[in-house]
Structures are given as structure tokens and as C-alpha cells.
Amino acid sequence: MPPDDPPEWRHFMARSSDRALDRAITALLHEAVEHSRAMRQVLNQVGQLASLRINMLESSDSSESTLTEVLSPLTKREREVLEHLARGYSNKQIGRSLGISERTVKNHLRNIFTKLGVGDRTSAVVKALGRMG
């Protein structure tokens, strides 16, 4: 039977366990904060889409010229990518459908975001549909 650990060793092990627990708690709190931010972003985007849907119902005679104006800076391929985006396709699905790589889809999306002055997929679709900005 091994001799009992010296008291200073037990104290060191307890402190080490405390630090490990503190790190685990901190990591979980950081994860919760990030999850909360992501959830707020998703809820904001759902709100934008719901608002767009209501606006579309209220004004069935959407201005075709506004839509054309918004889409005019986009190339034909960028408009095709945007159309697939509006249908909820993933980058992989868009690439397969258009016969291009996922990386090329990402490049088109970056160009679309820049030309429309938006920062994400949902905002691009909402703006392209002529209800924002």
C-alpha cells in the first residue's frame, strides 16, 4: 500500500483541479455567449424575412424597376447564384446546380455582397427582392 501523499501535494492537486474546473466553466460561458450571438443573428434574419413577406403581401404590385435597379450591377452568373440563394440552396447545392465549384460560389457570393452592400446571405436576398436599403 503506497504511503499517503504529503499535504502540500494534495493542496497542489486541489488547486490544479480548481483551475481545470474554472477553465471548463469559462469555456462553457464563452460558448454560451457565442451561441447567444448566433441565435440573435438568426432571429434578426428571420425577422427581416418575415417583414419582407408581409411587405410583399401588402403590395402585390412590386416595382419591377426597383428590382432591376438593385440587380443591375450583378453579372448574369451572380444573378443565377442569387436566385439559388433565394431558394435556400447551400453553397454546395448552388455549385452542383450551376456546374461550378463551391469555391467559385463563395467568390460569387462575396461579389454579390459587395455589390449589394450587404454582409450576409439573408440580407442579400432581402435587398434583391427590393424591400430593404
N, C-alpha and C. Protein backbone atom coordinates (compact mmCIF):
# COMPACT_ATOMS: atom_id res chain seq x y z
N MET A 1 0.84 -1.18 0.00
CA MET A 1 0.00 0.00 0.00
C MET A 1 0.89 1.25 0.00
N PRO A 2 0.68 2.20 -0.95
CA PRO A 2 1.55 3.38 -1.03
C PRO A 2 1.32 4.31 0.16
N PRO A 3 2.38 4.99 0.55
CA PRO A 3 2.21 5.95 1.66
C PRO A 3 1.29 7.09 1.25
N ASP A 4 0.67 7.72 2.23
CA ASP A 4 -0.20 8.87 1.96
C ASP A 4 0.59 9.99 1.29
N ASP A 5 -0.08 10.72 0.38
CA ASP A 5 0.56 11.85 -0.27
C ASP A 5 0.83 12.93 0.77
N PRO A 6 1.93 13.65 0.59
CA PRO A 6 2.19 14.75 1.53
C PRO A 6 1.10 15.82 1.39
N PRO A 7 0.82 16.57 2.44
CA PRO A 7 -0.25 17.58 2.41
C PRO A 7 -0.07 18.61 1.31
N GLU A 8 1.18 19.03 1.05
CA GLU A 8 1.38 20.04 0.01
C GLU A 8 1.03 19.49 -1.37
N TRP A 9 1.21 18.19 -1.60
CA TRP A 9 0.83 17.57 -2.86
C TRP A 9 -0.68 17.59 -3.03
N ARG A 10 -1.41 17.23 -1.97
CA ARG A 10 -2.88 17.26 -2.03
C ARG A 10 -3.37 18.68 -2.30
N HIS A 11 -2.71 19.65 -1.68
CA HIS A 11 -3.08 21.06 -1.87
C HIS A 11 -2.85 21.46 -3.34
N PHE A 12 -1.70 21.04 -3.90
CA PHE A 12 -1.39 21.33 -5.31
C PHE A 12 -2.43 20.70 -6.23
N MET A 13 -2.79 19.45 -5.97
CA MET A 13 -3.76 18.74 -6.80
C MET A 13 -5.13 19.43 -6.71
N ALA A 14 -5.52 19.87 -5.53
CA ALA A 14 -6.81 20.55 -5.36
C ALA A 14 -6.81 21.85 -6.16
N ARG A 15 -5.69 22.61 -6.08
CA ARG A 15 -5.60 23.87 -6.83
C ARG A 15 -5.63 23.59 -8.33
N SER A 16 -4.96 22.55 -8.75
CA SER A 16 -4.93 22.18 -10.16
C SER A 16 -6.33 21.80 -10.64
N SER A 17 -7.06 21.05 -9.84
CA SER A 17 -8.44 20.68 -10.18
C SER A 17 -9.33 21.92 -10.24
N ASP A 18 -9.14 22.83 -9.30
CA ASP A 18 -9.92 24.07 -9.30
C ASP A 18 -9.68 24.85 -10.59
N ARG A 19 -8.41 24.94 -10.98
CA ARG A 19 -8.08 25.68 -12.21
C ARG A 19 -8.71 25.00 -13.43
N ALA A 20 -8.65 23.68 -13.47
CA ALA A 20 -9.24 22.95 -14.60
C ALA A 20 -10.75 23.18 -14.64
N LEU A 21 -11.39 23.14 -13.49
CA LEU A 21 -12.84 23.40 -13.44
C LEU A 21 -13.14 24.83 -13.86
N ASP A 22 -12.34 25.78 -13.38
CA ASP A 22 -12.54 27.18 -13.77
C ASP A 22 -12.40 27.36 -15.27
N ARG A 23 -11.41 26.70 -15.88
CA ARG A 23 -11.23 26.80 -17.33
C ARG A 23 -12.43 26.19 -18.07
N ALA A 24 -12.92 25.07 -17.57
CA ALA A 24 -14.08 24.43 -18.21
C ALA A 24 -15.31 25.32 -18.10
N ILE A 25 -15.52 25.91 -16.94
CA ILE A 25 -16.67 26.81 -16.75
C ILE A 25 -16.54 28.01 -17.68
N THR A 26 -15.35 28.59 -17.74
CA THR A 26 -15.11 29.76 -18.60
C THR A 26 -15.36 29.40 -20.07
N ALA A 27 -14.87 28.25 -20.49
CA ALA A 27 -15.08 27.82 -21.89
C ALA A 27 -16.56 27.66 -22.19
N LEU A 28 -17.30 27.06 -21.27
CA LEU A 28 -18.75 26.90 -21.49
C LEU A 28 -19.46 28.24 -21.53
N LEU A 29 -19.04 29.18 -20.69
CA LEU A 29 -19.65 30.51 -20.71
C LEU A 29 -19.37 31.22 -22.03
N HIS A 30 -18.14 31.10 -22.53
CA HIS A 30 -17.81 31.70 -23.83
C HIS A 30 -18.65 31.07 -24.94
N GLU A 31 -18.81 29.76 -24.88
CA GLU A 31 -19.63 29.06 -25.87
C GLU A 31 -21.08 29.53 -25.80
N ALA A 32 -21.59 29.72 -24.60
CA ALA A 32 -22.97 30.20 -24.43
C ALA A 32 -23.13 31.59 -25.01
N VAL A 33 -22.15 32.45 -24.80
CA VAL A 33 -22.21 33.81 -25.34
C VAL A 33 -22.21 33.77 -26.86
N GLU A 34 -21.33 32.97 -27.45
CA GLU A 34 -21.27 32.85 -28.91
C GLU A 34 -22.58 32.29 -29.46
N HIS A 35 -23.11 31.29 -28.79
CA HIS A 35 -24.39 30.70 -29.21
C HIS A 35 -25.50 31.74 -29.15
N SER A 36 -25.47 32.55 -28.12
CA SER A 36 -26.47 33.60 -27.95
C SER A 36 -26.37 34.63 -29.07
N ARG A 37 -25.14 35.01 -29.44
CA ARG A 37 -24.95 35.96 -30.55
C ARG A 37 -25.46 35.37 -31.86
N ALA A 38 -25.13 34.11 -32.10
CA ALA A 38 -25.58 33.46 -33.33
C ALA A 38 -27.10 33.38 -33.35
N MET A 39 -27.71 33.06 -32.22
CA MET A 39 -29.16 32.96 -32.15
C MET A 39 -29.81 34.32 -32.41
N ARG A 40 -29.23 35.38 -31.85
CA ARG A 40 -29.77 36.73 -32.11
C ARG A 40 -29.68 37.07 -33.59
N GLN A 41 -28.58 36.69 -34.24
CA GLN A 41 -28.42 36.97 -35.67
C GLN A 41 -29.46 36.20 -36.47
N VAL A 42 -29.67 34.94 -36.13
CA VAL A 42 -30.67 34.13 -36.84
C VAL A 42 -32.06 34.74 -36.64
N LEU A 43 -32.39 35.11 -35.42
CA LEU A 43 -33.70 35.71 -35.15
C LEU A 43 -33.88 37.02 -35.89
N ASN A 44 -32.82 37.81 -35.97
CA ASN A 44 -32.87 39.07 -36.72
C ASN A 44 -33.14 38.80 -38.20
N GLN A 45 -32.48 37.80 -38.75
CA GLN A 45 -32.67 37.46 -40.16
C GLN A 45 -34.07 36.91 -40.41
N VAL A 46 -34.58 36.11 -39.49
CA VAL A 46 -35.96 35.62 -39.62
C VAL A 46 -36.91 36.80 -39.59
N GLY A 47 -36.65 37.76 -38.72
CA GLY A 47 -37.48 38.96 -38.66
C GLY A 47 -37.46 39.73 -39.96
N GLN A 48 -36.28 39.85 -40.57
CA GLN A 48 -36.17 40.54 -41.86
C GLN A 48 -37.00 39.83 -42.92
N LEU A 49 -36.89 38.51 -42.94
CA LEU A 49 -37.63 37.74 -43.95
C LEU A 49 -39.13 37.82 -43.71
N ALA A 50 -39.54 37.76 -42.45
CA ALA A 50 -40.97 37.87 -42.14
C ALA A 50 -41.49 39.25 -42.55
N SER A 51 -40.71 40.27 -42.27
CA SER A 51 -41.09 41.63 -42.65
C SER A 51 -41.19 41.75 -44.18
N LEU A 52 -40.25 41.15 -44.88
CA LEU A 52 -40.29 41.14 -46.34
C LEU A 52 -41.55 40.46 -46.83
N ARG A 53 -41.88 39.33 -46.24
CA ARG A 53 -43.09 38.57 -46.63
C ARG A 53 -44.34 39.42 -46.44
N ILE A 54 -44.44 40.12 -45.33
CA ILE A 54 -45.59 40.98 -45.06
C ILE A 54 -45.65 42.10 -46.09
N ASN A 55 -44.51 42.72 -46.37
CA ASN A 55 -44.47 43.80 -47.36
C ASN A 55 -44.89 43.31 -48.74
N MET A 56 -44.48 42.11 -49.09
CA MET A 56 -44.84 41.56 -50.39
C MET A 56 -46.35 41.30 -50.48
N LEU A 57 -46.94 40.86 -49.37
CA LEU A 57 -48.38 40.64 -49.35
C LEU A 57 -49.15 41.95 -49.46
N GLU A 58 -48.63 42.99 -48.80
CA GLU A 58 -49.31 44.28 -48.79
C GLU A 58 -49.24 45.00 -50.13
N SER A 59 -48.16 44.80 -50.84
CA SER A 59 -48.03 45.49 -52.14
C SER A 59 -47.74 44.48 -53.22
N SER A 60 -48.76 43.90 -53.75
CA SER A 60 -48.60 42.86 -54.76
C SER A 60 -48.04 43.41 -56.07
N ASP A 61 -48.12 44.73 -56.28
CA ASP A 61 -47.54 45.30 -57.49
C ASP A 61 -46.14 45.82 -57.20
N SER A 62 -45.23 44.90 -56.82
CA SER A 62 -43.85 45.29 -56.53
C SER A 62 -43.24 45.97 -57.74
N SER A 63 -42.45 46.93 -57.45
CA SER A 63 -41.82 47.70 -58.51
C SER A 63 -40.75 46.90 -59.21
N GLU A 64 -41.01 46.52 -60.45
CA GLU A 64 -40.05 45.77 -61.26
C GLU A 64 -38.81 46.61 -61.52
N SER A 65 -39.00 47.93 -61.65
CA SER A 65 -37.85 48.79 -61.92
C SER A 65 -36.90 48.85 -60.72
N THR A 66 -37.44 48.80 -59.49
CA THR A 66 -36.59 48.79 -58.30
C THR A 66 -35.76 47.52 -58.27
N LEU A 67 -36.38 46.39 -58.58
CA LEU A 67 -35.67 45.13 -58.60
C LEU A 67 -34.58 45.15 -59.66
N THR A 68 -34.90 45.65 -60.83
CA THR A 68 -33.92 45.73 -61.91
C THR A 68 -32.77 46.63 -61.50
N GLU A 69 -33.09 47.74 -60.84
CA GLU A 69 -32.08 48.68 -60.38
C GLU A 69 -31.11 48.01 -59.40
N VAL A 70 -31.66 47.26 -58.45
CA VAL A 70 -30.84 46.59 -57.44
C VAL A 70 -29.95 45.53 -58.08
N LEU A 71 -30.49 44.80 -59.06
CA LEU A 71 -29.74 43.70 -59.66
C LEU A 71 -28.82 44.12 -60.79
N SER A 72 -28.95 45.34 -61.29
CA SER A 72 -28.17 45.77 -62.46
C SER A 72 -26.66 45.63 -62.31
N PRO A 73 -26.08 45.84 -61.12
CA PRO A 73 -24.62 45.69 -61.05
C PRO A 73 -24.14 44.23 -61.09
N LEU A 74 -25.06 43.30 -60.94
CA LEU A 74 -24.68 41.89 -60.89
C LEU A 74 -24.51 41.30 -62.30
N THR A 75 -23.54 40.40 -62.42
CA THR A 75 -23.38 39.68 -63.68
C THR A 75 -24.50 38.64 -63.80
N LYS A 76 -24.62 38.07 -64.98
CA LYS A 76 -25.64 37.03 -65.19
C LYS A 76 -25.43 35.87 -64.23
N ARG A 77 -24.19 35.45 -64.06
CA ARG A 77 -23.89 34.32 -63.17
C ARG A 77 -24.18 34.68 -61.71
N GLU A 78 -23.86 35.91 -61.32
CA GLU A 78 -24.16 36.34 -59.95
C GLU A 78 -25.67 36.35 -59.70
N ARG A 79 -26.44 36.76 -60.69
CA ARG A 79 -27.91 36.72 -60.56
C ARG A 79 -28.40 35.28 -60.42
N GLU A 80 -27.78 34.36 -61.16
CA GLU A 80 -28.15 32.94 -61.06
C GLU A 80 -27.84 32.42 -59.65
N VAL A 81 -26.66 32.77 -59.14
CA VAL A 81 -26.29 32.35 -57.78
C VAL A 81 -27.27 32.94 -56.77
N LEU A 82 -27.61 34.21 -56.94
CA LEU A 82 -28.55 34.87 -56.04
C LEU A 82 -29.94 34.21 -56.09
N GLU A 83 -30.36 33.82 -57.26
CA GLU A 83 -31.65 33.14 -57.41
C GLU A 83 -31.65 31.82 -56.63
N HIS A 84 -30.57 31.07 -56.73
CA HIS A 84 -30.46 29.82 -55.97
C HIS A 84 -30.39 30.10 -54.47
N LEU A 85 -29.72 31.18 -54.12
CA LEU A 85 -29.61 31.57 -52.72
C LEU A 85 -31.00 31.88 -52.16
N ALA A 86 -31.81 32.57 -52.96
CA ALA A 86 -33.17 32.91 -52.53
C ALA A 86 -34.03 31.66 -52.33
N ARG A 87 -33.68 30.59 -53.00
CA ARG A 87 -34.41 29.32 -52.83
C ARG A 87 -33.92 28.54 -51.63
N GLY A 88 -32.89 29.08 -50.94
CA GLY A 88 -32.38 28.43 -49.74
C GLY A 88 -31.31 27.39 -49.99
N TYR A 89 -30.72 27.38 -51.19
CA TYR A 89 -29.69 26.39 -51.51
C TYR A 89 -28.40 26.69 -50.73
N SER A 90 -27.69 25.65 -50.37
CA SER A 90 -26.37 25.79 -49.76
C SER A 90 -25.35 26.07 -50.87
N ASN A 91 -24.15 26.46 -50.50
CA ASN A 91 -23.10 26.70 -51.50
C ASN A 91 -22.86 25.44 -52.33
N LYS A 92 -22.84 24.30 -51.66
CA LYS A 92 -22.61 23.04 -52.36
C LYS A 92 -23.72 22.77 -53.37
N GLN A 93 -24.98 23.00 -52.97
CA GLN A 93 -26.12 22.79 -53.87
C GLN A 93 -26.09 23.76 -55.04
N ILE A 94 -25.73 25.00 -54.77
CA ILE A 94 -25.63 26.00 -55.85
C ILE A 94 -24.57 25.57 -56.85
N GLY A 95 -23.42 25.16 -56.34
CA GLY A 95 -22.33 24.72 -57.20
C GLY A 95 -22.73 23.56 -58.09
N ARG A 96 -23.39 22.57 -57.47
CA ARG A 96 -23.83 21.40 -58.26
C ARG A 96 -24.82 21.82 -59.34
N SER A 97 -25.78 22.64 -58.96
CA SER A 97 -26.82 23.05 -59.90
C SER A 97 -26.26 23.85 -61.08
N LEU A 98 -25.26 24.69 -60.80
CA LEU A 98 -24.71 25.55 -61.85
C LEU A 98 -23.46 24.97 -62.49
N GLY A 99 -22.99 23.83 -62.00
CA GLY A 99 -21.81 23.21 -62.57
C GLY A 99 -20.53 23.96 -62.28
N ILE A 100 -20.45 24.56 -61.08
CA ILE A 100 -19.25 25.29 -60.67
C ILE A 100 -18.81 24.79 -59.30
N SER A 101 -17.59 25.11 -58.91
CA SER A 101 -17.08 24.65 -57.62
C SER A 101 -17.67 25.47 -56.48
N GLU A 102 -17.60 24.88 -55.29
CA GLU A 102 -18.07 25.59 -54.10
C GLU A 102 -17.26 26.87 -53.87
N ARG A 103 -15.98 26.81 -54.18
CA ARG A 103 -15.12 27.99 -54.03
C ARG A 103 -15.57 29.11 -54.97
N THR A 104 -15.94 28.74 -56.20
CA THR A 104 -16.43 29.74 -57.15
C THR A 104 -17.74 30.33 -56.65
N VAL A 105 -18.59 29.51 -56.06
CA VAL A 105 -19.84 30.02 -55.48
C VAL A 105 -19.52 31.05 -54.40
N LYS A 106 -18.55 30.73 -53.53
CA LYS A 106 -18.15 31.67 -52.47
C LYS A 106 -17.65 32.98 -53.06
N ASN A 107 -16.87 32.89 -54.14
CA ASN A 107 -16.38 34.11 -54.80
C ASN A 107 -17.55 34.94 -55.34
N HIS A 108 -18.50 34.27 -55.98
CA HIS A 108 -19.68 34.99 -56.49
C HIS A 108 -20.46 35.63 -55.34
N LEU A 109 -20.62 34.90 -54.24
CA LEU A 109 -21.34 35.46 -53.09
C LEU A 109 -20.63 36.68 -52.53
N ARG A 110 -19.31 36.62 -52.43
CA ARG A 110 -18.55 37.77 -51.94
C ARG A 110 -18.79 38.98 -52.85
N ASN A 111 -18.78 38.75 -54.17
CA ASN A 111 -19.03 39.84 -55.13
C ASN A 111 -20.45 40.37 -54.98
N ILE A 112 -21.41 39.47 -54.82
CA ILE A 112 -22.81 39.86 -54.66
C ILE A 112 -22.96 40.73 -53.41
N PHE A 113 -22.39 40.28 -52.29
CA PHE A 113 -22.48 41.03 -51.04
C PHE A 113 -21.89 42.43 -51.21
N THR A 114 -20.74 42.50 -51.87
CA THR A 114 -20.09 43.80 -52.08
C THR A 114 -20.96 44.71 -52.95
N LYS A 115 -21.45 44.18 -54.07
CA LYS A 115 -22.24 45.00 -55.00
C LYS A 115 -23.57 45.43 -54.40
N LEU A 116 -24.17 44.60 -53.56
CA LEU A 116 -25.44 44.96 -52.95
C LEU A 116 -25.26 45.72 -51.63
N GLY A 117 -24.03 45.78 -51.14
CA GLY A 117 -23.75 46.49 -49.90
C GLY A 117 -24.32 45.79 -48.68
N VAL A 118 -24.22 44.47 -48.66
CA VAL A 118 -24.73 43.69 -47.54
C VAL A 118 -23.62 42.80 -47.00
N GLY A 119 -23.88 42.16 -45.86
CA GLY A 119 -22.86 41.34 -45.25
C GLY A 119 -23.20 39.88 -45.08
N ASP A 120 -24.42 39.48 -45.50
CA ASP A 120 -24.78 38.08 -45.32
C ASP A 120 -25.82 37.65 -46.35
N ARG A 121 -26.06 36.35 -46.38
CA ARG A 121 -26.94 35.73 -47.38
C ARG A 121 -28.37 36.27 -47.29
N THR A 122 -28.90 36.32 -46.08
CA THR A 122 -30.29 36.75 -45.91
C THR A 122 -30.47 38.19 -46.37
N SER A 123 -29.55 39.06 -45.97
CA SER A 123 -29.65 40.47 -46.37
C SER A 123 -29.56 40.62 -47.88
N ALA A 124 -28.75 39.78 -48.53
CA ALA A 124 -28.64 39.84 -49.99
C ALA A 124 -29.97 39.49 -50.64
N VAL A 125 -30.62 38.45 -50.15
CA VAL A 125 -31.91 38.03 -50.71
C VAL A 125 -32.96 39.10 -50.46
N VAL A 126 -33.00 39.61 -49.24
CA VAL A 126 -33.99 40.64 -48.90
C VAL A 126 -33.79 41.88 -49.77
N LYS A 127 -32.54 42.31 -49.92
CA LYS A 127 -32.27 43.51 -50.73
C LYS A 127 -32.60 43.25 -52.20
N ALA A 128 -32.26 42.07 -52.69
CA ALA A 128 -32.53 41.75 -54.10
C ALA A 128 -34.02 41.73 -54.38
N LEU A 129 -34.80 41.39 -53.38
CA LEU A 129 -36.24 41.37 -53.58
C LEU A 129 -36.84 42.77 -53.47
N GLY A 130 -35.97 43.77 -53.26
CA GLY A 130 -36.38 45.16 -53.36
C GLY A 130 -37.06 45.77 -52.16
N ARG A 131 -36.87 45.16 -51.00
CA ARG A 131 -37.59 45.66 -49.82
C ARG A 131 -36.69 46.29 -48.77
N MET A 132 -35.39 46.29 -49.00
CA MET A 132 -34.51 46.88 -48.00
C MET A 132 -33.52 47.80 -48.69
N GLY A 133 -32.97 48.71 -47.89
CA GLY A 133 -31.87 49.56 -48.37
C GLY A 133 -32.36 50.49 -49.34
